[in-house]
N, C-alpha and C. Protein backbone atom coordinates (compact mmCIF):
# COMPACT_ATOMS: atom_id res chain seq x y z
N UNK A 1 12.77 36.47 1.93
CA UNK A 1 11.70 35.78 2.63
C UNK A 1 11.67 34.30 2.25
N UNK A 2 11.95 34.00 0.99
CA UNK A 2 11.97 32.62 0.54
C UNK A 2 13.13 31.86 1.18
N UNK A 3 14.24 32.57 1.45
CA UNK A 3 15.37 31.91 2.11
C UNK A 3 14.98 31.45 3.51
N UNK A 4 14.24 32.28 4.23
CA UNK A 4 13.79 31.89 5.58
C UNK A 4 12.86 30.68 5.50
N UNK A 5 12.03 30.64 4.48
CA UNK A 5 11.13 29.50 4.30
C UNK A 5 11.93 28.21 4.21
N UNK A 6 13.04 28.23 3.50
CA UNK A 6 13.86 27.03 3.32
C UNK A 6 14.78 26.75 4.50
N UNK A 7 15.15 27.79 5.25
CA UNK A 7 16.09 27.57 6.35
C UNK A 7 15.39 27.35 7.70
N UNK A 8 14.22 27.99 7.92
CA UNK A 8 13.51 27.84 9.20
C UNK A 8 12.02 28.06 8.97
N UNK A 9 11.36 27.02 8.51
CA UNK A 9 9.95 27.13 8.15
C UNK A 9 9.09 27.50 9.37
N UNK A 10 9.53 27.16 10.56
CA UNK A 10 8.76 27.51 11.75
C UNK A 10 8.71 29.03 11.93
N UNK A 11 9.87 29.68 11.90
CA UNK A 11 9.91 31.13 12.05
C UNK A 11 9.19 31.78 10.87
N UNK A 12 9.41 31.27 9.66
CA UNK A 12 8.75 31.80 8.47
C UNK A 12 7.23 31.74 8.65
N UNK A 13 6.71 30.60 9.13
CA UNK A 13 5.26 30.46 9.25
C UNK A 13 4.70 31.43 10.30
N UNK A 14 5.42 31.64 11.39
CA UNK A 14 4.96 32.61 12.40
C UNK A 14 4.90 34.02 11.80
N UNK A 15 5.94 34.40 11.06
CA UNK A 15 5.98 35.73 10.45
C UNK A 15 4.86 35.90 9.43
N UNK A 16 4.68 34.89 8.59
CA UNK A 16 3.64 34.97 7.56
C UNK A 16 2.25 35.01 8.19
N UNK A 17 2.03 34.23 9.23
CA UNK A 17 0.73 34.23 9.91
C UNK A 17 0.45 35.60 10.50
N UNK A 18 1.44 36.21 11.11
CA UNK A 18 1.25 37.54 11.70
C UNK A 18 0.92 38.57 10.61
N UNK A 19 1.64 38.52 9.49
CA UNK A 19 1.36 39.44 8.38
C UNK A 19 -0.07 39.23 7.85
N UNK A 20 -0.49 37.99 7.74
CA UNK A 20 -1.84 37.71 7.25
C UNK A 20 -2.90 38.19 8.24
N UNK A 21 -2.65 38.02 9.54
CA UNK A 21 -3.59 38.52 10.56
C UNK A 21 -3.72 40.04 10.47
N UNK A 22 -2.57 40.72 10.33
CA UNK A 22 -2.60 42.18 10.21
C UNK A 22 -3.39 42.60 8.97
N UNK A 23 -3.14 41.93 7.88
CA UNK A 23 -3.83 42.27 6.63
C UNK A 23 -5.32 42.00 6.76
N UNK A 24 -5.68 40.88 7.40
CA UNK A 24 -7.10 40.55 7.61
C UNK A 24 -7.78 41.58 8.51
N UNK A 25 -7.03 42.19 9.41
CA UNK A 25 -7.57 43.21 10.31
C UNK A 25 -7.65 44.58 9.63
N UNK A 26 -7.23 44.64 8.38
CA UNK A 26 -7.31 45.89 7.63
C UNK A 26 -6.08 46.76 7.73
N UNK A 27 -5.04 46.26 8.39
CA UNK A 27 -3.81 47.05 8.51
C UNK A 27 -2.99 46.90 7.23
N UNK A 28 -2.21 47.92 6.96
CA UNK A 28 -1.33 47.87 5.80
C UNK A 28 -0.10 47.03 6.11
N UNK A 29 0.26 46.19 5.19
CA UNK A 29 1.49 45.40 5.31
C UNK A 29 2.24 45.52 4.01
N UNK A 30 3.52 45.29 4.09
CA UNK A 30 4.35 45.31 2.91
C UNK A 30 4.08 44.02 2.13
N UNK A 31 3.41 44.15 1.00
CA UNK A 31 3.04 42.99 0.18
C UNK A 31 4.26 42.15 -0.20
N UNK A 32 5.42 42.79 -0.32
CA UNK A 32 6.63 42.07 -0.70
C UNK A 32 7.04 41.08 0.40
N UNK A 33 6.59 41.33 1.64
CA UNK A 33 6.93 40.43 2.73
C UNK A 33 6.06 39.17 2.75
N UNK A 34 4.93 39.23 2.06
CA UNK A 34 4.06 38.06 2.00
C UNK A 34 4.58 37.13 0.89
N UNK A 35 4.87 35.92 1.28
CA UNK A 35 5.44 34.92 0.38
C UNK A 35 4.30 34.07 -0.18
N UNK A 36 3.52 34.65 -1.10
CA UNK A 36 2.29 34.02 -1.58
C UNK A 36 2.48 32.62 -2.16
N UNK A 37 3.48 32.36 -2.97
CA UNK A 37 3.61 30.99 -3.50
C UNK A 37 3.79 29.94 -2.40
N UNK A 38 4.63 30.26 -1.41
CA UNK A 38 4.84 29.29 -0.33
C UNK A 38 3.67 29.25 0.65
N UNK A 39 2.97 30.35 0.83
CA UNK A 39 1.76 30.35 1.65
C UNK A 39 0.74 29.40 1.03
N UNK A 40 0.54 29.55 -0.27
CA UNK A 40 -0.41 28.68 -0.97
C UNK A 40 0.00 27.21 -0.85
N UNK A 41 1.27 26.94 -1.00
CA UNK A 41 1.75 25.55 -0.91
C UNK A 41 1.54 24.99 0.49
N UNK A 42 1.79 25.80 1.50
CA UNK A 42 1.60 25.35 2.88
C UNK A 42 0.13 25.07 3.18
N UNK A 43 -0.75 25.89 2.65
CA UNK A 43 -2.18 25.65 2.85
C UNK A 43 -2.58 24.34 2.19
N UNK A 44 -2.10 24.10 0.99
CA UNK A 44 -2.40 22.84 0.31
C UNK A 44 -1.82 21.66 1.08
N UNK A 45 -0.63 21.84 1.65
CA UNK A 45 0.00 20.77 2.42
C UNK A 45 -0.81 20.38 3.65
N UNK A 46 -1.51 21.34 4.23
CA UNK A 46 -2.34 21.03 5.40
C UNK A 46 -3.37 19.99 5.03
N UNK A 47 -4.05 20.18 3.93
CA UNK A 47 -5.06 19.22 3.48
C UNK A 47 -4.46 17.87 3.15
N UNK A 48 -3.34 17.88 2.46
CA UNK A 48 -2.69 16.61 2.11
C UNK A 48 -2.24 15.88 3.36
N UNK A 49 -1.73 16.61 4.32
CA UNK A 49 -1.29 16.00 5.57
C UNK A 49 -2.45 15.36 6.32
N UNK A 50 -3.57 16.05 6.36
CA UNK A 50 -4.76 15.50 7.02
C UNK A 50 -5.23 14.24 6.32
N UNK A 51 -5.24 14.26 4.99
CA UNK A 51 -5.65 13.07 4.23
C UNK A 51 -4.69 11.92 4.46
N UNK A 52 -3.38 12.20 4.49
CA UNK A 52 -2.40 11.15 4.74
C UNK A 52 -2.57 10.54 6.12
N UNK A 53 -2.95 11.35 7.10
CA UNK A 53 -3.19 10.83 8.45
C UNK A 53 -4.37 9.86 8.44
N UNK A 54 -5.43 10.20 7.73
CA UNK A 54 -6.59 9.31 7.63
C UNK A 54 -6.19 8.03 6.91
N UNK A 55 -5.48 8.17 5.80
CA UNK A 55 -5.05 6.99 5.05
C UNK A 55 -4.15 6.08 5.88
N UNK A 56 -3.25 6.66 6.63
CA UNK A 56 -2.35 5.88 7.47
C UNK A 56 -3.14 5.10 8.52
N UNK A 57 -4.11 5.75 9.15
CA UNK A 57 -4.93 5.07 10.15
C UNK A 57 -5.74 3.95 9.51
N UNK A 58 -6.25 4.18 8.31
CA UNK A 58 -7.01 3.13 7.62
C UNK A 58 -6.13 1.94 7.24
N UNK A 59 -4.92 2.20 6.80
CA UNK A 59 -4.00 1.10 6.48
C UNK A 59 -3.70 0.28 7.73
N UNK A 60 -3.45 0.98 8.84
CA UNK A 60 -3.19 0.27 10.10
C UNK A 60 -4.39 -0.56 10.52
N UNK A 61 -5.58 0.00 10.41
CA UNK A 61 -6.80 -0.73 10.76
C UNK A 61 -6.96 -1.97 9.88
N UNK A 62 -6.78 -1.78 8.59
CA UNK A 62 -6.90 -2.92 7.66
C UNK A 62 -5.85 -3.99 7.97
N UNK A 63 -4.63 -3.57 8.23
CA UNK A 63 -3.56 -4.53 8.53
C UNK A 63 -3.91 -5.36 9.76
N UNK A 64 -4.39 -4.72 10.80
CA UNK A 64 -4.74 -5.45 12.02
C UNK A 64 -5.95 -6.36 11.81
N UNK A 65 -6.95 -5.87 11.07
CA UNK A 65 -8.10 -6.72 10.77
C UNK A 65 -7.68 -7.92 9.92
N UNK A 66 -6.80 -7.69 8.95
CA UNK A 66 -6.33 -8.79 8.11
C UNK A 66 -5.53 -9.81 8.91
N UNK A 67 -4.71 -9.34 9.84
CA UNK A 67 -3.97 -10.29 10.69
C UNK A 67 -4.95 -11.16 11.48
N UNK A 68 -6.00 -10.54 12.01
CA UNK A 68 -6.99 -11.31 12.77
C UNK A 68 -7.71 -12.32 11.88
N UNK A 69 -7.91 -11.99 10.62
CA UNK A 69 -8.55 -12.92 9.68
C UNK A 69 -7.58 -14.02 9.25
N UNK A 70 -6.33 -13.66 9.05
CA UNK A 70 -5.34 -14.61 8.54
C UNK A 70 -4.83 -15.56 9.63
N UNK A 71 -4.86 -15.12 10.88
CA UNK A 71 -4.40 -15.95 12.01
C UNK A 71 -5.48 -15.94 13.10
N UNK A 72 -6.67 -16.49 12.81
CA UNK A 72 -7.80 -16.38 13.74
C UNK A 72 -7.60 -17.09 15.07
N UNK A 73 -6.64 -18.01 15.15
CA UNK A 73 -6.41 -18.74 16.40
C UNK A 73 -5.30 -18.12 17.25
N UNK A 74 -4.71 -17.05 16.77
CA UNK A 74 -3.64 -16.40 17.53
C UNK A 74 -4.19 -15.76 18.79
N UNK A 75 -3.43 -15.82 19.83
CA UNK A 75 -3.85 -15.17 21.08
C UNK A 75 -3.80 -13.64 20.94
N UNK A 76 -3.22 -13.16 19.86
CA UNK A 76 -3.12 -11.72 19.62
C UNK A 76 -4.38 -11.13 18.98
N UNK A 77 -5.32 -11.96 18.56
CA UNK A 77 -6.52 -11.47 17.85
C UNK A 77 -7.24 -10.37 18.63
N UNK A 78 -7.50 -10.52 19.93
CA UNK A 78 -8.19 -9.43 20.63
C UNK A 78 -7.41 -8.10 20.57
N UNK A 79 -6.09 -8.18 20.67
CA UNK A 79 -5.28 -6.97 20.59
C UNK A 79 -5.33 -6.37 19.18
N UNK A 80 -5.26 -7.22 18.16
CA UNK A 80 -5.34 -6.73 16.79
C UNK A 80 -6.68 -6.07 16.53
N UNK A 81 -7.76 -6.69 16.98
CA UNK A 81 -9.09 -6.11 16.79
C UNK A 81 -9.21 -4.77 17.52
N UNK A 82 -8.68 -4.71 18.74
CA UNK A 82 -8.72 -3.46 19.50
C UNK A 82 -7.93 -2.36 18.79
N UNK A 83 -6.76 -2.71 18.28
CA UNK A 83 -5.94 -1.72 17.57
C UNK A 83 -6.65 -1.27 16.29
N UNK A 84 -7.29 -2.20 15.59
CA UNK A 84 -8.03 -1.84 14.38
C UNK A 84 -9.16 -0.87 14.72
N UNK A 85 -9.89 -1.14 15.81
CA UNK A 85 -10.96 -0.23 16.23
C UNK A 85 -10.41 1.16 16.54
N UNK A 86 -9.28 1.20 17.24
CA UNK A 86 -8.66 2.48 17.59
C UNK A 86 -8.27 3.25 16.34
N UNK A 87 -7.68 2.57 15.38
CA UNK A 87 -7.24 3.23 14.15
C UNK A 87 -8.43 3.68 13.31
N UNK A 88 -9.49 2.86 13.24
CA UNK A 88 -10.69 3.28 12.50
C UNK A 88 -11.33 4.50 13.16
N UNK A 89 -11.32 4.52 14.48
CA UNK A 89 -11.88 5.66 15.20
C UNK A 89 -11.09 6.93 14.91
N UNK A 90 -9.76 6.82 14.91
CA UNK A 90 -8.92 7.97 14.59
C UNK A 90 -9.19 8.44 13.16
N UNK A 91 -9.32 7.51 12.24
CA UNK A 91 -9.61 7.87 10.85
C UNK A 91 -10.97 8.54 10.74
N UNK A 92 -11.95 7.99 11.43
CA UNK A 92 -13.31 8.53 11.40
C UNK A 92 -13.33 9.98 11.92
N UNK A 93 -12.60 10.25 12.99
CA UNK A 93 -12.56 11.60 13.56
C UNK A 93 -11.90 12.60 12.62
N UNK A 94 -10.87 12.18 11.92
CA UNK A 94 -10.11 13.10 11.06
C UNK A 94 -10.68 13.19 9.65
N UNK A 95 -11.52 12.24 9.27
CA UNK A 95 -12.07 12.20 7.91
C UNK A 95 -13.01 13.37 7.67
N UNK A 96 -12.88 13.97 6.49
CA UNK A 96 -13.83 14.99 6.05
C UNK A 96 -14.38 14.57 4.69
N UNK A 97 -15.60 14.98 4.36
CA UNK A 97 -16.20 14.55 3.10
C UNK A 97 -15.36 14.87 1.86
N UNK A 98 -14.63 15.96 1.90
CA UNK A 98 -13.81 16.32 0.74
C UNK A 98 -12.67 15.36 0.47
N UNK A 99 -12.32 14.54 1.45
CA UNK A 99 -11.23 13.56 1.26
C UNK A 99 -11.68 12.36 0.43
N UNK A 100 -12.97 12.08 0.44
CA UNK A 100 -13.50 10.87 -0.19
C UNK A 100 -12.99 10.68 -1.62
N UNK A 101 -13.01 11.73 -2.41
CA UNK A 101 -12.62 11.59 -3.81
C UNK A 101 -11.11 11.39 -4.00
N UNK A 102 -10.33 11.58 -2.93
CA UNK A 102 -8.88 11.44 -3.03
C UNK A 102 -8.34 10.17 -2.36
N UNK A 103 -9.19 9.47 -1.62
CA UNK A 103 -8.76 8.25 -0.95
C UNK A 103 -9.06 7.06 -1.86
N UNK A 104 -8.01 6.35 -2.24
CA UNK A 104 -8.16 5.19 -3.11
C UNK A 104 -8.03 3.95 -2.23
N UNK A 105 -9.17 3.39 -1.86
CA UNK A 105 -9.20 2.28 -0.92
C UNK A 105 -8.43 1.07 -1.44
N UNK A 106 -8.46 0.83 -2.73
CA UNK A 106 -7.70 -0.30 -3.30
C UNK A 106 -6.21 -0.17 -3.00
N UNK A 107 -5.69 1.05 -3.07
CA UNK A 107 -4.27 1.26 -2.77
C UNK A 107 -3.98 1.05 -1.28
N UNK A 108 -4.88 1.51 -0.43
CA UNK A 108 -4.69 1.33 1.01
C UNK A 108 -4.74 -0.15 1.37
N UNK A 109 -5.66 -0.87 0.76
CA UNK A 109 -5.78 -2.31 1.03
C UNK A 109 -4.53 -3.04 0.54
N UNK A 110 -4.03 -2.64 -0.61
CA UNK A 110 -2.80 -3.22 -1.14
C UNK A 110 -1.64 -2.98 -0.17
N UNK A 111 -1.57 -1.78 0.40
CA UNK A 111 -0.53 -1.48 1.38
C UNK A 111 -0.68 -2.36 2.62
N UNK A 112 -1.93 -2.56 3.05
CA UNK A 112 -2.18 -3.41 4.23
C UNK A 112 -1.77 -4.85 3.93
N UNK A 113 -2.10 -5.35 2.75
CA UNK A 113 -1.69 -6.71 2.38
C UNK A 113 -0.17 -6.83 2.38
N UNK A 114 0.49 -5.82 1.86
CA UNK A 114 1.95 -5.85 1.79
C UNK A 114 2.57 -5.83 3.18
N UNK A 115 1.84 -5.29 4.16
CA UNK A 115 2.35 -5.22 5.52
C UNK A 115 2.14 -6.48 6.34
N UNK A 116 1.45 -7.46 5.78
CA UNK A 116 1.23 -8.70 6.53
C UNK A 116 2.51 -9.52 6.58
N UNK A 117 2.79 -10.11 7.73
CA UNK A 117 3.98 -10.97 7.81
C UNK A 117 3.74 -12.28 7.06
N UNK A 118 4.82 -12.96 6.71
CA UNK A 118 4.71 -14.24 6.02
C UNK A 118 4.22 -15.34 6.95
N UNK A 119 4.52 -15.20 8.23
CA UNK A 119 4.03 -16.15 9.22
C UNK A 119 4.06 -15.48 10.58
N UNK A 120 3.29 -16.03 11.50
CA UNK A 120 3.30 -15.58 12.89
C UNK A 120 3.49 -16.82 13.74
N UNK A 121 4.53 -16.79 14.55
CA UNK A 121 4.87 -17.95 15.39
C UNK A 121 4.99 -19.21 14.55
N UNK A 122 5.54 -19.09 13.35
CA UNK A 122 5.75 -20.23 12.48
C UNK A 122 4.51 -20.69 11.74
N UNK A 123 3.40 -20.00 11.91
CA UNK A 123 2.16 -20.38 11.26
C UNK A 123 1.91 -19.50 10.05
N UNK A 124 1.72 -20.11 8.88
CA UNK A 124 1.41 -19.30 7.70
C UNK A 124 -0.01 -18.75 7.80
N UNK A 125 -0.31 -17.69 7.08
CA UNK A 125 -1.65 -17.11 7.15
C UNK A 125 -2.69 -17.94 6.41
N UNK A 126 -3.93 -17.85 6.86
CA UNK A 126 -5.04 -18.35 6.06
C UNK A 126 -5.23 -17.39 4.91
N UNK A 127 -5.86 -17.80 3.83
CA UNK A 127 -6.07 -16.88 2.71
C UNK A 127 -6.95 -15.70 3.12
N UNK A 128 -6.61 -14.55 2.59
CA UNK A 128 -7.43 -13.35 2.78
C UNK A 128 -7.76 -12.83 1.39
N UNK A 129 -8.83 -12.06 1.27
CA UNK A 129 -9.21 -11.54 -0.06
C UNK A 129 -8.08 -10.72 -0.68
N UNK A 130 -7.90 -10.87 -1.97
CA UNK A 130 -6.88 -10.12 -2.69
C UNK A 130 -7.31 -8.71 -3.02
N UNK A 131 -8.61 -8.46 -3.00
CA UNK A 131 -9.15 -7.12 -3.22
C UNK A 131 -9.98 -6.75 -2.00
N UNK A 132 -10.06 -5.50 -1.73
CA UNK A 132 -10.74 -5.02 -0.52
C UNK A 132 -12.22 -5.40 -0.56
N UNK A 133 -12.68 -6.16 0.44
CA UNK A 133 -14.08 -6.60 0.45
C UNK A 133 -15.04 -5.62 1.12
N UNK A 134 -14.55 -4.46 1.55
CA UNK A 134 -15.40 -3.47 2.20
C UNK A 134 -15.27 -2.13 1.51
N UNK A 135 -16.27 -1.30 1.71
CA UNK A 135 -16.24 0.06 1.15
C UNK A 135 -15.61 1.00 2.17
N UNK A 136 -15.31 2.19 1.73
CA UNK A 136 -14.77 3.21 2.63
C UNK A 136 -15.77 3.50 3.75
N UNK A 137 -17.05 3.59 3.39
CA UNK A 137 -18.07 3.85 4.42
C UNK A 137 -18.12 2.73 5.45
N UNK A 138 -18.01 1.49 5.02
CA UNK A 138 -18.01 0.37 5.96
C UNK A 138 -16.78 0.42 6.86
N UNK A 139 -15.66 0.78 6.28
CA UNK A 139 -14.42 0.85 7.06
C UNK A 139 -14.48 1.97 8.10
N UNK A 140 -15.13 3.06 7.75
CA UNK A 140 -15.23 4.20 8.67
C UNK A 140 -16.39 4.06 9.66
N UNK A 141 -17.25 3.08 9.46
CA UNK A 141 -18.41 2.89 10.34
C UNK A 141 -17.95 2.43 11.72
N UNK A 142 -18.83 2.52 12.69
CA UNK A 142 -18.52 2.10 14.05
C UNK A 142 -18.37 0.60 14.18
N UNK A 143 -19.00 -0.16 13.31
CA UNK A 143 -18.96 -1.61 13.42
C UNK A 143 -17.65 -2.17 12.87
N UNK A 144 -17.34 -3.38 13.31
CA UNK A 144 -16.17 -4.12 12.82
C UNK A 144 -16.45 -4.55 11.38
N UNK A 145 -15.64 -4.14 10.40
CA UNK A 145 -15.88 -4.60 9.03
C UNK A 145 -15.58 -6.09 8.91
N UNK A 146 -16.29 -6.77 8.04
CA UNK A 146 -16.10 -8.21 7.87
C UNK A 146 -15.21 -8.44 6.66
N UNK A 147 -13.92 -8.55 6.89
CA UNK A 147 -12.98 -8.77 5.81
C UNK A 147 -12.92 -10.22 5.38
N UNK A 148 -13.43 -11.12 6.21
CA UNK A 148 -13.26 -12.54 5.94
C UNK A 148 -14.44 -13.22 5.32
N UNK A 149 -15.54 -12.53 5.06
CA UNK A 149 -16.74 -13.21 4.57
C UNK A 149 -16.48 -13.89 3.24
N UNK A 150 -15.70 -13.29 2.38
CA UNK A 150 -15.41 -13.90 1.09
C UNK A 150 -14.57 -15.16 1.29
N UNK A 151 -13.61 -15.10 2.23
CA UNK A 151 -12.78 -16.27 2.49
C UNK A 151 -13.63 -17.41 3.03
N UNK A 152 -14.51 -17.10 3.98
CA UNK A 152 -15.35 -18.14 4.56
C UNK A 152 -16.27 -18.73 3.51
N UNK A 153 -16.78 -17.89 2.63
CA UNK A 153 -17.67 -18.40 1.58
C UNK A 153 -16.90 -19.31 0.63
N UNK A 154 -15.65 -18.96 0.36
CA UNK A 154 -14.82 -19.76 -0.53
C UNK A 154 -14.41 -21.07 0.12
N UNK A 155 -14.07 -21.03 1.39
CA UNK A 155 -13.55 -22.21 2.06
C UNK A 155 -14.63 -23.07 2.69
N UNK A 156 -15.85 -22.59 2.77
CA UNK A 156 -16.91 -23.33 3.43
C UNK A 156 -17.09 -22.85 4.85
N UNK A 157 -18.12 -23.33 5.50
CA UNK A 157 -18.43 -22.82 6.83
C UNK A 157 -17.51 -23.34 7.91
N UNK A 158 -16.84 -24.49 7.69
CA UNK A 158 -15.93 -25.01 8.71
C UNK A 158 -14.62 -25.43 8.06
N UNK A 159 -13.79 -24.44 7.71
CA UNK A 159 -12.53 -24.79 7.06
C UNK A 159 -11.60 -25.53 8.02
N UNK A 160 -10.82 -26.40 7.46
CA UNK A 160 -9.82 -27.12 8.23
C UNK A 160 -8.46 -26.61 7.80
N UNK A 161 -7.64 -26.31 8.77
CA UNK A 161 -6.32 -25.77 8.49
C UNK A 161 -5.28 -26.72 9.06
N UNK A 162 -4.32 -27.11 8.24
CA UNK A 162 -3.25 -27.99 8.72
C UNK A 162 -2.07 -27.11 9.08
N UNK A 163 -1.71 -27.11 10.36
CA UNK A 163 -0.54 -26.37 10.80
C UNK A 163 0.67 -27.29 10.74
N UNK A 164 1.84 -26.72 10.79
CA UNK A 164 3.07 -27.47 10.61
C UNK A 164 3.45 -28.40 11.74
N UNK A 165 2.67 -28.49 12.79
CA UNK A 165 3.08 -29.32 13.90
C UNK A 165 2.09 -30.45 14.16
N UNK A 166 1.66 -31.12 13.14
CA UNK A 166 0.84 -32.34 13.16
C UNK A 166 -0.41 -32.24 14.02
N UNK A 167 -1.02 -31.07 14.04
CA UNK A 167 -2.33 -30.92 14.67
C UNK A 167 -3.23 -30.27 13.63
N UNK A 168 -4.39 -30.86 13.42
CA UNK A 168 -5.36 -30.28 12.51
C UNK A 168 -6.38 -29.52 13.32
N UNK A 169 -6.63 -28.30 12.94
CA UNK A 169 -7.55 -27.44 13.66
C UNK A 169 -8.74 -27.17 12.75
N UNK A 170 -9.95 -27.40 13.24
CA UNK A 170 -11.15 -27.06 12.49
C UNK A 170 -11.69 -25.75 13.05
N UNK A 171 -11.82 -24.77 12.17
CA UNK A 171 -12.29 -23.46 12.59
C UNK A 171 -13.79 -23.48 12.71
N UNK A 172 -14.32 -22.83 13.72
CA UNK A 172 -15.76 -22.81 13.92
C UNK A 172 -16.42 -21.86 12.94
N UNK A 173 -17.69 -22.02 12.74
CA UNK A 173 -18.45 -21.18 11.83
C UNK A 173 -18.57 -19.76 12.38
N UNK A 174 -18.23 -19.55 13.63
CA UNK A 174 -18.31 -18.21 14.22
C UNK A 174 -17.29 -17.26 13.63
N UNK A 175 -16.31 -17.78 12.91
CA UNK A 175 -15.34 -16.89 12.28
C UNK A 175 -16.07 -16.09 11.25
């Protein structure tokens, strides 16, 4: 039975599920056919897989929000914000309370920072916070999280950014 698990997990899972259904219905099954160690591992994997899906969606949301903060004048900002909303919504739908203690937001934020490009269209990014400025609850909420408030507070209400092509752009306080 363990050989089938390693050679064709799909067929193995169908067979194991059928044996478990029969046993749950009170029918006798050959206990030797039930692969308990691998059944237990597969059940645990379901939870880990669900948590990884939530974490992946949160990293994508953070990455898109960070791009919008780092390149606020890019014409891609509306698309990045829309993608971040979509990813947060996916995470919110898949999130369960039991995942909370296993999701390390600092690690997800670090992954999102690592995924930022060095420049977009030749423009370097504006500074973004080095540590996650939002909580997990804020990230999962329906509202757009404010990742840039710390940057704006640090840079002042109207930061000026010098781009490489001899034009100085003053960002509005609406950022």
